[in-house]
N, C-alpha and C. Protein backbone atom coordinates (compact mmCIF):
# COMPACT_ATOMS: atom_id res chain seq x y z
N MET A 1 78.28 128.05 91.14
CA MET A 1 78.76 126.70 90.68
C MET A 1 77.45 125.90 89.93
N SER A 2 78.06 125.52 88.78
CA SER A 2 77.17 124.80 88.19
C SER A 2 76.97 123.38 88.39
N GLU A 3 75.97 122.54 88.03
CA GLU A 3 75.87 121.13 88.33
C GLU A 3 77.22 120.38 87.80
N ALA A 4 77.46 120.89 86.58
CA ALA A 4 78.71 119.96 85.80
C ALA A 4 79.71 120.05 86.80
N GLU A 5 80.12 121.34 87.27
CA GLU A 5 81.29 121.60 88.14
C GLU A 5 80.71 120.65 89.37
N ILE A 6 79.97 120.55 90.01
CA ILE A 6 79.87 119.97 91.24
C ILE A 6 79.93 118.28 90.89
N PHE A 7 79.63 117.91 89.90
CA PHE A 7 79.69 116.54 89.41
C PHE A 7 81.28 116.11 89.03
N GLU A 8 82.07 117.10 88.70
CA GLU A 8 83.41 117.00 88.24
C GLU A 8 84.07 117.25 89.75
N VAL A 9 83.65 117.74 90.48
CA VAL A 9 84.46 117.64 91.81
C VAL A 9 84.36 116.52 92.34
N LEU A 10 82.82 116.02 92.70
CA LEU A 10 82.56 114.78 93.21
C LEU A 10 83.32 113.57 92.50
N ARG A 11 83.38 113.36 91.37
CA ARG A 11 84.13 112.39 90.57
C ARG A 11 85.59 112.43 90.86
N ALA A 12 86.35 113.59 91.00
CA ALA A 12 87.64 113.60 91.57
C ALA A 12 87.83 113.26 92.82
N HIS A 13 86.89 113.37 93.82
CA HIS A 13 87.01 113.14 95.07
C HIS A 13 86.78 111.78 95.38
N ILE A 14 85.79 111.29 94.70
CA ILE A 14 85.65 109.62 94.61
C ILE A 14 87.03 109.04 94.04
N TRP A 15 87.17 109.21 92.90
CA TRP A 15 88.43 108.72 92.26
C TRP A 15 89.87 108.85 93.28
N ALA A 16 89.80 109.88 93.73
CA ALA A 16 91.18 109.74 94.84
C ALA A 16 90.97 108.84 96.12
N ALA A 17 89.60 108.83 96.38
CA ALA A 17 89.44 107.90 97.43
C ALA A 17 89.38 106.47 97.29
N ALA A 18 89.11 106.17 95.85
CA ALA A 18 89.67 104.71 95.53
C ALA A 18 90.94 104.35 95.26
N MET A 19 91.79 105.72 94.80
CA MET A 19 93.05 105.26 94.66
C MET A 19 93.80 105.49 95.98
N MET A 20 93.28 106.18 96.83
CA MET A 20 94.08 105.86 98.42
C MET A 20 93.75 104.60 98.95
N ALA A 21 92.70 104.07 98.62
CA ALA A 21 92.28 102.45 99.12
C ALA A 21 92.75 101.45 98.26
N MET A 22 93.18 101.40 97.23
CA MET A 22 93.89 100.62 96.33
C MET A 22 94.89 99.77 97.09
N PRO A 23 95.91 100.36 97.58
CA PRO A 23 97.03 99.64 98.15
C PRO A 23 96.74 98.59 99.10
N ILE A 24 95.83 99.15 100.06
CA ILE A 24 95.34 98.20 101.33
C ILE A 24 94.59 97.18 100.86
N LEU A 25 93.36 97.79 99.92
CA LEU A 25 92.51 96.57 99.50
C LEU A 25 93.46 95.50 98.75
N ALA A 26 94.33 95.94 97.98
CA ALA A 26 95.17 94.65 97.08
C ALA A 26 95.67 93.89 97.97
N CYS A 27 96.48 94.66 99.23
CA CYS A 27 97.34 93.65 100.03
C CYS A 27 96.29 92.85 100.90
N THR A 28 95.32 93.34 101.14
CA THR A 28 94.18 92.46 101.85
C THR A 28 93.76 91.22 101.00
N LEU A 29 93.29 91.57 99.69
CA LEU A 29 93.19 90.68 98.42
C LEU A 29 94.19 89.28 98.68
N VAL A 30 95.44 89.81 98.36
CA VAL A 30 96.46 89.12 98.35
C VAL A 30 96.82 88.12 99.39
N VAL A 31 96.94 88.66 100.86
CA VAL A 31 96.84 87.93 102.19
C VAL A 31 95.67 87.37 102.36
N GLY A 32 94.48 87.67 102.10
CA GLY A 32 93.33 86.76 102.04
C GLY A 32 93.31 85.54 101.36
N PHE A 33 93.72 85.68 100.19
CA PHE A 33 93.82 84.42 99.09
C PHE A 33 94.63 83.50 99.21
N THR A 34 95.73 84.04 99.97
CA THR A 34 96.99 83.36 100.38
C THR A 34 96.78 82.23 101.55
N ILE A 35 96.36 83.23 102.71
CA ILE A 35 95.95 82.13 103.65
C ILE A 35 94.59 81.35 103.48
N GLY A 36 93.72 81.83 102.74
CA GLY A 36 92.53 80.87 102.43
C GLY A 36 92.92 79.51 101.46
N LEU A 37 93.94 79.80 100.58
CA LEU A 37 94.44 78.69 99.92
C LEU A 37 95.21 77.77 100.99
N LEU A 38 95.92 78.28 101.99
CA LEU A 38 96.84 77.79 102.85
C LEU A 38 95.64 76.83 103.52
N GLN A 39 94.62 77.30 104.20
CA GLN A 39 93.91 76.58 104.97
C GLN A 39 93.03 75.48 104.13
N ALA A 40 92.89 75.70 102.93
CA ALA A 40 92.26 74.40 102.18
C ALA A 40 93.16 73.71 101.78
N LEU A 41 94.40 73.87 102.01
CA LEU A 41 95.60 72.85 101.57
C LEU A 41 95.44 71.80 102.70
N THR A 42 95.57 72.57 103.78
CA THR A 42 96.07 71.95 105.08
C THR A 42 94.79 71.50 106.23
N SER A 43 93.49 72.09 105.76
CA SER A 43 92.37 71.86 106.33
C SER A 43 92.33 72.37 107.73
N ILE A 44 93.02 73.36 108.01
CA ILE A 44 93.44 74.22 109.04
C ILE A 44 92.21 75.27 109.18
N GLN A 45 91.02 75.33 109.92
CA GLN A 45 90.09 76.05 110.05
C GLN A 45 90.07 77.07 111.38
N GLU A 46 91.21 77.79 111.30
CA GLU A 46 91.34 78.67 112.81
C GLU A 46 90.88 79.98 112.20
N VAL A 47 90.23 80.56 112.95
CA VAL A 47 89.58 82.05 112.62
C VAL A 47 90.54 83.19 112.58
N THR A 48 91.38 82.80 113.85
CA THR A 48 92.62 83.92 113.67
C THR A 48 93.67 84.04 112.76
N LEU A 49 93.79 82.79 112.25
CA LEU A 49 94.53 82.53 111.17
C LEU A 49 94.29 83.41 109.88
N THR A 50 93.39 83.73 109.76
CA THR A 50 92.92 84.77 108.77
C THR A 50 92.83 86.34 109.19
N PHE A 51 92.71 86.54 110.29
CA PHE A 51 92.33 87.76 111.05
C PHE A 51 93.77 88.32 111.29
N ILE A 52 94.60 87.81 112.15
CA ILE A 52 96.00 88.30 112.57
C ILE A 52 96.79 88.53 111.42
N PRO A 53 97.20 87.91 110.54
CA PRO A 53 97.74 88.32 109.35
C PRO A 53 97.21 89.37 108.58
N LYS A 54 95.83 89.42 108.17
CA LYS A 54 95.42 90.56 107.38
C LYS A 54 95.58 91.96 108.01
N ILE A 55 95.24 91.88 109.75
CA ILE A 55 95.38 93.16 110.34
C ILE A 55 96.83 93.70 110.34
N LEU A 56 97.86 92.79 110.38
CA LEU A 56 99.44 93.11 110.33
C LEU A 56 99.76 93.78 109.04
N ALA A 57 99.29 92.98 107.94
CA ALA A 57 99.47 93.50 106.47
C ALA A 57 99.12 94.69 106.46
N VAL A 58 98.00 94.84 106.75
CA VAL A 58 97.16 96.28 106.57
C VAL A 58 97.69 97.26 107.22
N ILE A 59 98.06 96.86 108.33
CA ILE A 59 98.88 98.19 109.21
C ILE A 59 100.21 98.33 108.52
N ILE A 60 101.16 97.26 107.90
CA ILE A 60 102.37 97.77 107.14
C ILE A 60 102.17 98.69 106.05
N VAL A 61 101.37 97.74 105.28
CA VAL A 61 100.94 98.75 103.89
C VAL A 61 100.57 100.17 104.02
N PHE A 62 99.89 100.19 105.02
CA PHE A 62 99.30 101.67 105.49
C PHE A 62 100.33 102.52 105.89
N PHE A 63 101.05 102.08 106.31
CA PHE A 63 102.21 103.20 106.71
C PHE A 63 103.37 103.04 105.73
N LEU A 64 103.54 102.01 104.64
CA LEU A 64 104.38 102.26 103.62
C LEU A 64 103.76 102.97 102.78
N SER A 65 102.62 103.13 102.50
CA SER A 65 101.74 103.95 101.46
C SER A 65 101.22 105.31 101.88
N LEU A 66 101.76 105.75 103.23
CA LEU A 66 101.12 106.93 103.50
C LEU A 66 101.75 107.88 102.96
N GLY A 67 102.97 108.04 102.31
CA GLY A 67 103.32 109.32 101.45
C GLY A 67 102.56 109.09 100.04
N TYR A 68 102.09 108.15 99.77
CA TYR A 68 101.31 108.21 98.39
C TYR A 68 99.97 108.52 98.64
N MET A 69 99.55 108.21 99.75
CA MET A 69 98.23 109.02 100.06
C MET A 69 98.05 110.22 100.28
N THR A 70 99.18 110.69 100.99
CA THR A 70 99.26 112.24 101.44
C THR A 70 99.58 112.76 100.02
N ARG A 71 100.17 112.40 98.91
CA ARG A 71 100.30 113.17 97.63
C ARG A 71 99.04 113.30 96.95
N ILE A 72 98.30 112.09 96.83
CA ILE A 72 97.14 112.09 96.38
C ILE A 72 96.18 113.26 96.99
N CYS A 73 96.33 113.20 98.50
CA CYS A 73 95.35 114.52 98.98
C CYS A 73 95.75 115.62 98.74
N VAL A 74 97.05 115.77 98.44
CA VAL A 74 97.72 117.30 98.60
C VAL A 74 97.32 117.67 96.97
N ASP A 75 97.51 116.84 95.91
CA ASP A 75 97.31 116.95 94.52
C ASP A 75 95.71 117.42 94.21
N LEU A 76 95.03 116.67 95.18
CA LEU A 76 93.34 116.71 94.93
C LEU A 76 93.26 118.14 95.26
N PHE A 77 93.83 118.78 96.72
CA PHE A 77 93.42 119.85 97.33
C PHE A 77 93.90 120.94 96.53
N ASN A 78 95.04 121.01 95.83
CA ASN A 78 95.86 122.02 94.92
C ASN A 78 94.83 121.98 93.84
N ASN A 79 94.36 120.92 93.13
CA ASN A 79 93.83 120.77 91.63
C ASN A 79 92.53 121.11 91.82
N SER A 80 91.83 120.71 92.78
CA SER A 80 90.10 120.75 92.83
C SER A 80 89.48 121.48 93.70
N VAL A 81 90.18 121.71 95.00
CA VAL A 81 89.70 122.50 96.02
C VAL A 81 89.77 124.05 96.17
N LEU A 82 91.46 124.14 95.92
CA LEU A 82 91.89 125.77 95.60
C LEU A 82 91.04 126.19 94.55
N PRO A 83 91.10 125.69 93.68
CA PRO A 83 90.59 126.56 92.15
C PRO A 83 89.13 127.02 92.71
N LEU A 84 88.31 126.16 93.38
CA LEU A 84 87.13 126.85 93.59
C LEU A 84 86.98 127.69 94.63
N ILE A 85 87.92 127.61 95.69
CA ILE A 85 88.10 128.64 96.58
C ILE A 85 88.22 130.01 96.28
N SER A 86 89.45 129.71 95.49
CA SER A 86 89.83 131.23 94.62
C SER A 86 88.97 132.09 93.85
N ARG A 87 87.73 131.43 93.50
CA ARG A 87 86.71 132.11 92.52
C ARG A 87 86.11 133.41 93.43
């Protein structure tokens, strides 16, 4: 296996990890921004007000995007790992 092939496999795996994390990170960003704006507008500085909604949103988005993440993993395995194994 050449150095270029190793870097190509590494790039594919890092890109897949970023694509799998994107829905959860986007949800956390939106919920965090919304709660932060709400706290700034109402002057409520409660720690659990930011923590609990983010955790609930992440859990919900995780289960909703589980099929998407599984499809990315299966495609990565079929297109990247299996050809390396079959050599």
